């Protein structure tokens, strides 16, 4: 289990993304461009389609990134959608 706070891939800045160990400027920029071109990222595995993201790195990214959906689901207990 991760001992650090995960970054929301849908909201993180390039500067925040480059704080992830092993992530450089090009990869962080690729994530931002993917997000801008494709909209909200529902699952980290979607990043496999982004330039500069190696599919074998997706599992490592899961340790550092969240889509925000996990937080939303935890906070919505007992609430109805309309």
C-alpha atoms as a PDB file:
ATOM      1  CA  UNK A   1       0.000   0.000   0.000  1.00  0.00           C
ATOM      2  CA  UNK A   2       1.241   3.470  -0.843  1.00  0.00           C
ATOM      3  CA  UNK A   3       2.500   5.577   2.039  1.00  0.00           C
ATOM      4  CA  UNK A   4       2.125   8.835   0.143  1.00  0.00           C
ATOM      5  CA  UNK A   5      -0.777  10.916  -1.047  1.00  0.00           C
ATOM      6  CA  UNK A   6      -1.747  10.181  -4.634  1.00  0.00           C
ATOM      7  CA  UNK A   7      -2.087  12.944  -7.203  1.00  0.00           C
ATOM      8  CA  UNK A   8      -5.326  13.318  -9.119  1.00  0.00           C
ATOM      9  CA  UNK A   9      -4.323  12.749 -12.751  1.00  0.00           C
ATOM     10  CA  UNK A  10      -7.247  14.922 -13.859  1.00  0.00           C
ATOM     11  CA  UNK A  11      -6.108  17.941 -11.873  1.00  0.00           C
ATOM     12  CA  UNK A  12      -2.350  17.666 -11.275  1.00  0.00           C
ATOM     13  CA  UNK A  13      -0.069  20.283 -12.782  1.00  0.00           C
ATOM     14  CA  UNK A  14       3.059  19.462 -14.737  1.00  0.00           C
ATOM     15  CA  UNK A  15       5.125  20.513 -11.728  1.00  0.00           C
ATOM     16  CA  UNK A  16       3.215  18.146  -9.462  1.00  0.00           C
ATOM     17  CA  UNK A  17       3.483  15.265 -11.923  1.00  0.00           C
ATOM     18  CA  UNK A  18       7.257  15.673 -12.225  1.00  0.00           C
ATOM     19  CA  UNK A  19       7.530  15.058  -8.479  1.00  0.00           C
ATOM     20  CA  UNK A  20       6.671  11.403  -9.145  1.00  0.00           C
ATOM     21  CA  UNK A  21       9.926   9.416  -9.031  1.00  0.00           C
ATOM     22  CA  UNK A  22      11.139   8.667 -12.535  1.00  0.00           C
ATOM     23  CA  UNK A  23       8.693  10.999 -14.290  1.00  0.00           C
ATOM     24  CA  UNK A  24      10.306  13.627 -16.440  1.00  0.00           C
ATOM     25  CA  UNK A  25       8.981  16.748 -18.104  1.00  0.00           C
ATOM     26  CA  UNK A  26       8.085  14.980 -21.362  1.00  0.00           C
ATOM     27  CA  UNK A  27       5.993  12.321 -19.657  1.00  0.00           C
ATOM     28  CA  UNK A  28       4.235  14.856 -17.441  1.00  0.00           C
ATOM     29  CA  UNK A  29       3.481  17.006 -20.483  1.00  0.00           C
ATOM     30  CA  UNK A  30       2.180  13.950 -22.348  1.00  0.00           C
ATOM     31  CA  UNK A  31      -0.268  13.257 -19.511  1.00  0.00           C
ATOM     32  CA  UNK A  32      -1.499  16.841 -19.553  1.00  0.00           C
ATOM     33  CA  UNK A  33      -1.883  16.863 -23.345  1.00  0.00           C
ATOM     34  CA  UNK A  34      -3.721  13.547 -23.244  1.00  0.00           C
ATOM     35  CA  UNK A  35      -6.061  14.921 -20.590  1.00  0.00           C
ATOM     36  CA  UNK A  36      -6.684  18.096 -22.595  1.00  0.00           C
ATOM     37  CA  UNK A  37      -7.361  16.171 -25.826  1.00  0.00           C
ATOM     38  CA  UNK A  38      -9.403  13.291 -24.415  1.00  0.00           C
ATOM     39  CA  UNK A  39     -11.157  14.789 -21.429  1.00  0.00           C
ATOM     40  CA  UNK A  40     -11.623  13.267 -17.988  1.00  0.00           C
ATOM     41  CA  UNK A  41      -9.521  10.180 -17.310  1.00  0.00           C
ATOM     42  CA  UNK A  42     -11.688   7.508 -15.685  1.00  0.00           C
ATOM     43  CA  UNK A  43      -8.975   4.886 -15.294  1.00  0.00           C
ATOM     44  CA  UNK A  44      -5.197   5.155 -15.176  1.00  0.00           C
ATOM     45  CA  UNK A  45      -4.978   2.452 -17.861  1.00  0.00           C
ATOM     46  CA  UNK A  46      -6.266   5.039 -20.364  1.00  0.00           C
ATOM     47  CA  UNK A  47      -2.801   6.576 -20.234  1.00  0.00           C
ATOM     48  CA  UNK A  48      -1.549   3.639 -22.310  1.00  0.00           C
ATOM     49  CA  UNK A  49      -2.814   5.633 -25.303  1.00  0.00           C
ATOM     50  CA  UNK A  50      -0.824   8.746 -24.398  1.00  0.00           C
ATOM     51  CA  UNK A  51       2.418   9.612 -26.157  1.00  0.00           C
ATOM     52  CA  UNK A  52       5.508   9.020 -23.993  1.00  0.00           C
ATOM     53  CA  UNK A  53       3.694   6.556 -21.683  1.00  0.00           C
ATOM     54  CA  UNK A  54       5.019   3.035 -21.828  1.00  0.00           C
ATOM     55  CA  UNK A  55       2.214   0.512 -21.173  1.00  0.00           C
ATOM     56  CA  UNK A  56       4.435  -1.379 -18.729  1.00  0.00           C
ATOM     57  CA  UNK A  57       4.660   1.782 -16.582  1.00  0.00           C
ATOM     58  CA  UNK A  58       0.904   1.915 -15.915  1.00  0.00           C
ATOM     59  CA  UNK A  59       1.127  -0.235 -12.770  1.00  0.00           C
ATOM     60  CA  UNK A  60       3.855   2.018 -11.369  1.00  0.00           C
ATOM     61  CA  UNK A  61       1.725   5.083 -12.123  1.00  0.00           C
ATOM     62  CA  UNK A  62      -1.231   3.562 -10.234  1.00  0.00           C
ATOM     63  CA  UNK A  63       0.897   3.804  -7.089  1.00  0.00           C
ATOM     64  CA  UNK A  64       1.205   7.578  -7.560  1.00  0.00           C
ATOM     65  CA  UNK A  65      -1.948   8.667  -9.411  1.00  0.00           C
ATOM     66  CA  UNK A  66      -5.675   8.568  -8.834  1.00  0.00           C
ATOM     67  CA  UNK A  67      -8.534   9.566 -11.127  1.00  0.00           C
ATOM     68  CA  UNK A  68     -10.461  11.172  -8.289  1.00  0.00           C
ATOM     69  CA  UNK A  69     -13.242   8.612  -8.706  1.00  0.00           C
ATOM     70  CA  UNK A  70     -11.960   6.651  -5.721  1.00  0.00           C
ATOM     71  CA  UNK A  71     -12.310   9.702  -3.478  1.00  0.00           C
ATOM     72  CA  UNK A  72     -15.723  10.510  -4.939  1.00  0.00           C
ATOM     73  CA  UNK A  73     -17.038   6.998  -4.273  1.00  0.00           C
ATOM     74  CA  UNK A  74     -15.830   7.053  -0.672  1.00  0.00           C
ATOM     75  CA  UNK A  75     -17.413  10.457  -0.034  1.00  0.00           C
ATOM     76  CA  UNK A  76     -20.745   9.645  -1.682  1.00  0.00           C
ATOM     77  CA  UNK A  77     -21.850   6.921   0.706  1.00  0.00           C
ATOM     78  CA  UNK A  78     -25.504   7.365   1.503  1.00  0.00           C
ATOM     79  CA  UNK A  79     -26.034  10.057  -1.140  1.00  0.00           C
ATOM     80  CA  UNK A  80     -28.406   9.590  -4.038  1.00  0.00           C
ATOM     81  CA  UNK A  81     -27.681  10.707  -7.566  1.00  0.00           C
ATOM     82  CA  UNK A  82     -30.321  12.723  -9.387  1.00  0.00           C
END
